[in-house]
Protein backbone atom coordinates (compact mmCIF):
# COMPACT_ATOMS: atom_id res chain seq x y z
CA MET A 1 5.57 27.07 -27.51
CA THR A 2 2.30 25.14 -27.74
CA GLU A 3 2.04 21.46 -28.61
CA LEU A 4 0.92 22.60 -32.07
CA GLY A 5 4.17 24.52 -32.44
CA TYR A 6 6.25 21.43 -31.69
CA LEU A 7 4.10 19.32 -33.99
CA THR A 8 4.55 21.90 -36.75
CA ALA A 9 8.32 21.84 -36.24
CA PHE A 10 8.38 18.04 -36.37
CA THR A 11 6.23 17.98 -39.50
CA ALA A 12 8.38 20.65 -41.17
CA GLY A 13 11.43 18.49 -40.51
CA LEU A 14 9.68 15.40 -41.85
CA LEU A 15 8.39 17.11 -45.00
CA GLY A 16 11.64 19.01 -45.39
CA GLY A 17 13.39 15.69 -45.98
CA VAL A 18 13.09 16.39 -49.69
CA HIS A 19 15.44 19.33 -49.10
CA CYS A 20 17.72 17.41 -46.74
CA VAL A 21 18.50 14.98 -49.55
CA GLY A 22 19.78 17.77 -51.74
CA MET A 23 21.72 19.57 -49.00
CA CYS A 24 23.11 16.65 -47.00
CA GLY A 25 22.63 13.56 -49.17
CA GLY A 26 26.10 13.83 -50.66
CA ILE A 27 27.67 14.30 -47.24
CA VAL A 28 25.84 11.32 -45.77
CA SER A 29 26.79 9.12 -48.72
CA ALA A 30 30.43 10.19 -48.51
CA LEU A 31 30.55 9.50 -44.77
CA THR A 32 28.88 6.12 -45.30
CA PHE A 33 31.25 4.99 -48.03
CA GLY A 34 34.18 6.31 -46.02
CA LEU A 35 33.53 3.75 -43.28
CA PRO A 36 35.69 0.60 -43.14
CA GLU A 37 34.38 -1.93 -45.62
CA ALA A 38 33.61 -4.45 -42.89
CA LYS A 39 31.30 -1.88 -41.24
CA ARG A 40 29.41 -0.67 -44.31
CA ASN A 41 28.68 -4.09 -45.74
CA HIS A 42 25.67 -4.55 -43.47
CA ILE A 43 23.18 -2.33 -41.68
CA GLY A 44 24.15 -3.59 -38.23
CA GLY A 45 27.70 -2.37 -38.75
CA MET A 46 26.64 1.04 -40.06
CA LEU A 47 23.86 1.78 -37.58
CA PRO A 48 26.04 2.93 -34.62
CA TYR A 49 27.89 5.35 -36.91
CA GLN A 50 24.73 6.70 -38.56
CA LEU A 51 23.10 7.21 -35.17
CA ALA A 52 26.21 8.99 -33.91
CA TYR A 53 26.34 11.29 -36.94
CA ASN A 54 22.72 12.24 -36.47
CA LEU A 55 22.87 12.62 -32.69
CA GLY A 56 25.75 15.07 -33.13
CA ARG A 57 23.82 16.97 -35.80
CA MET A 58 20.70 17.10 -33.64
CA LEU A 59 22.66 18.35 -30.63
CA SER A 60 23.95 21.28 -32.69
CA TYR A 61 20.37 22.12 -33.71
CA VAL A 62 19.20 22.01 -30.09
CA ALA A 63 22.08 24.22 -28.92
CA ALA A 64 21.36 26.78 -31.65
CA GLY A 65 17.66 26.66 -30.77
CA ALA A 66 18.44 27.42 -27.12
CA VAL A 67 20.45 30.48 -28.15
CA MET A 68 17.70 31.76 -30.45
CA GLY A 69 15.01 31.14 -27.83
CA ALA A 70 17.06 33.13 -25.32
CA LEU A 71 17.26 36.00 -27.84
CA GLY A 72 13.47 35.91 -28.06
CA MET A 73 13.26 36.13 -24.28
CA LEU A 74 15.49 39.21 -24.30
CA LEU A 75 13.35 40.80 -27.00
CA ALA A 76 10.24 40.21 -24.91
CA GLN A 77 11.88 42.14 -22.06
CA VAL A 78 12.43 45.31 -24.10
CA MET A 79 8.90 45.58 -25.47
CA PRO A 80 5.41 44.58 -24.24
CA VAL A 81 5.14 40.77 -24.16
CA TYR A 82 1.92 40.70 -26.19
CA TYR A 83 3.42 42.67 -29.06
CA ALA A 84 6.72 40.78 -28.89
CA GLN A 85 4.91 37.45 -29.18
CA ARG A 86 2.81 38.66 -32.10
CA ALA A 87 5.80 40.12 -33.91
CA LEU A 88 7.86 36.95 -33.46
CA LEU A 89 4.99 34.71 -34.54
CA ALA A 90 4.44 36.84 -37.64
CA LEU A 91 8.15 36.64 -38.48
CA ALA A 92 8.11 32.86 -38.02
CA GLY A 93 5.02 32.56 -40.24
CA ILE A 94 6.62 34.62 -43.00
CA PHE A 95 9.76 32.49 -42.94
CA MET A 96 7.73 29.29 -43.03
CA VAL A 97 5.85 30.50 -46.11
CA LEU A 98 9.20 31.32 -47.74
CA LEU A 99 10.47 27.88 -46.74
CA GLY A 100 7.48 26.17 -48.36
CA LEU A 101 8.06 28.09 -51.59
CA TYR A 102 11.73 27.12 -51.37
CA LEU A 103 11.04 23.41 -50.82
CA ALA A 104 8.62 23.32 -53.75
CA GLY A 105 11.12 25.10 -55.99
CA TRP A 106 8.75 28.03 -56.64
CA TRP A 107 10.91 30.80 -55.13
CA MET A 108 14.51 30.24 -53.98
CA VAL A 109 14.93 33.38 -51.89
CA LEU A 110 16.16 31.40 -48.86
CA SER A 111 19.23 30.37 -50.84
CA ARG A 112 20.54 33.87 -50.02
CA LEU A 113 20.47 32.99 -46.33
CA GLU A 114 22.43 29.84 -47.06
CA ALA A 115 25.03 31.94 -48.86
CA LEU A 116 25.41 34.14 -45.77
CA GLY A 117 25.75 31.06 -43.57
CA GLY A 118 28.50 29.82 -45.86
CA ARG A 119 30.89 32.29 -44.21
CA LEU A 120 30.48 30.54 -40.86
CA TRP A 121 30.74 27.12 -42.50
CA ARG A 122 34.09 27.99 -44.11
CA ARG A 123 35.48 28.46 -40.61
CA LEU A 124 33.97 25.27 -39.19
CA GLU A 125 34.44 22.84 -42.07
CA PRO A 126 38.22 22.36 -41.49
CA LEU A 127 37.37 20.98 -38.03
CA SER A 128 35.57 18.02 -39.58
CA ARG A 129 38.56 17.18 -41.77
CA ARG A 130 40.68 16.58 -38.68
CA LEU A 131 38.21 13.91 -37.57
CA LEU A 132 38.43 11.94 -40.82
CA PRO A 133 38.60 9.08 -41.58
CA VAL A 134 35.92 8.04 -39.11
CA GLU A 135 36.90 4.85 -37.33
CA ARG A 136 34.81 5.04 -34.14
CA PRO A 137 31.26 6.15 -33.34
CA SER A 138 32.68 8.86 -31.04
CA GLN A 139 34.40 10.39 -34.07
CA ALA A 140 31.15 10.16 -36.02
CA PHE A 141 29.38 12.05 -33.22
CA MET A 142 31.90 14.90 -33.39
CA VAL A 143 31.65 15.05 -37.20
CA GLY A 144 27.86 15.22 -36.79
CA MET A 145 28.16 18.20 -34.46
CA VAL A 146 30.13 20.09 -37.11
CA TRP A 147 27.73 18.90 -39.82
CA GLY A 148 24.86 20.50 -37.91
CA TRP A 149 26.19 23.96 -38.84
CA ILE A 150 26.06 23.49 -42.61
CA PRO A 151 24.23 26.47 -44.18
CA CYS A 152 20.62 25.39 -44.67
CA GLY A 153 17.54 27.51 -45.35
CA LEU A 154 15.34 24.88 -43.69
CA VAL A 155 17.32 25.03 -40.45
CA TYR A 156 17.50 28.83 -40.52
CA THR A 157 13.74 29.07 -40.88
CA MET A 158 13.21 26.87 -37.85
CA LEU A 159 15.73 28.91 -35.86
CA VAL A 160 13.72 32.05 -36.61
CA THR A 161 10.67 30.15 -35.35
CA ALA A 162 12.63 29.18 -32.23
CA VAL A 163 13.01 32.90 -31.42
CA SER A 164 9.23 33.09 -31.08
CA SER A 165 9.33 30.47 -28.31
CA GLY A 166 10.51 33.22 -25.96
CA SER A 167 12.81 31.00 -23.87
CA ALA A 168 16.01 28.99 -24.19
CA LEU A 169 14.20 25.79 -23.21
CA GLY A 170 11.36 26.42 -25.66
CA GLY A 171 13.79 27.10 -28.50
CA ALA A 172 15.79 23.97 -27.68
CA LEU A 173 12.67 21.79 -27.56
CA LEU A 174 11.36 23.21 -30.83
CA MET A 175 14.64 22.43 -32.59
CA LEU A 176 14.63 18.96 -31.03
CA ALA A 177 11.17 18.34 -32.49
CA PHE A 178 12.40 19.58 -35.87
CA ALA A 179 15.54 17.43 -35.68
CA LEU A 180 13.50 14.32 -34.88
CA GLY A 181 11.41 15.04 -37.97
CA THR A 182 14.53 15.05 -40.16
CA LEU A 183 15.88 11.82 -38.64
CA PRO A 184 13.98 9.23 -40.75
CA THR A 185 15.21 10.70 -44.03
CA MET A 186 18.80 11.17 -42.89
CA LEU A 187 19.02 7.67 -41.43
CA GLY A 188 17.39 6.28 -44.56
CA ILE A 189 19.97 7.93 -46.80
CA GLY A 190 22.83 6.58 -44.73
CA LEU A 191 21.54 3.04 -44.25
CA LEU A 192 19.96 2.45 -47.64
CA ALA A 193 22.79 3.94 -49.69
CA GLY A 194 20.72 6.26 -51.83
CA ALA A 195 17.34 4.52 -52.00
CA ALA A 196 15.75 7.17 -49.77
CA ALA A 197 17.39 9.89 -51.83
CA ARG A 198 15.86 8.61 -55.07
CA LEU A 199 12.43 8.43 -53.44
CA THR A 200 12.48 12.04 -52.28
CA GLN A 201 13.65 13.49 -55.59
CA SER A 202 10.10 13.33 -56.93
CA ALA A 203 8.97 16.79 -58.10
CA GLU A 204 5.42 15.97 -56.98
CA LEU A 205 6.63 15.12 -53.48
CA ARG A 206 8.62 18.34 -53.27
CA ARG A 207 5.58 20.39 -54.31
CA PHE A 208 3.39 18.57 -51.79
CA ALA A 209 5.89 19.17 -48.99
CA GLY A 210 6.25 22.82 -49.98
CA THR A 211 2.50 23.34 -50.07
CA MET A 212 2.06 21.82 -46.61
CA VAL A 213 4.79 24.03 -45.11
CA VAL A 214 3.24 27.13 -46.75
CA LEU A 215 -0.07 26.21 -45.09
CA PHE A 216 1.67 25.87 -41.72
CA GLY A 217 3.20 29.30 -42.26
CA LEU A 218 -0.15 30.86 -43.14
CA HIS A 219 -1.69 29.30 -40.04
CA THR A 220 1.09 30.79 -37.92
CA LEU A 221 0.50 34.20 -39.51
CA TRP A 222 -3.22 33.88 -38.79
CA GLN A 223 -2.41 33.19 -35.12
CA ALA A 224 -0.17 36.25 -34.99
CA LEU A 225 -2.60 38.64 -36.65
């Protein structure tokens, strides 16, 4: 992956925060209000738990990115590298355009992918229940690792993009860049108890974010073709 690819992944995560609020805002709020009252009464008490939740979530993204990048490497071995790279870039561009349309609310086709991912989530979700209530940051980290597998069209799109990296390391780094982009919004939701969520519910902001991601997708398609 080029530096532009990592920057695109980071920006997609940052702009995709408007979607993160809808998908994960309720979970973050529930986890926050489930903390002992003495911990959630001030930011200093909540911060270790919120960081642990998000570090666990980000680690799951990175692990999934490594797997997808390795799949891309295998694909490149069964067909000429040039054509494999172009095909994977084109696929990533198409998914990014679909993601932008999804974020803006113009076409919700990626919700079908989330429905498919729901089958995996039904198997994983009981694991998080065994870790509740969260009393220590180490528990929060484990809950975050399970949380990272929640069905999400935004994450799935970036995983398709990770395939185009052509290596396990490249896929892992791309998902790390994406995860870092999502971090400000997710920390904001947890620490500010909904203030960040209200900010990102703006229809204008969603359309702006969607438009920007569509443009990134079109640029990726232009590179491929």
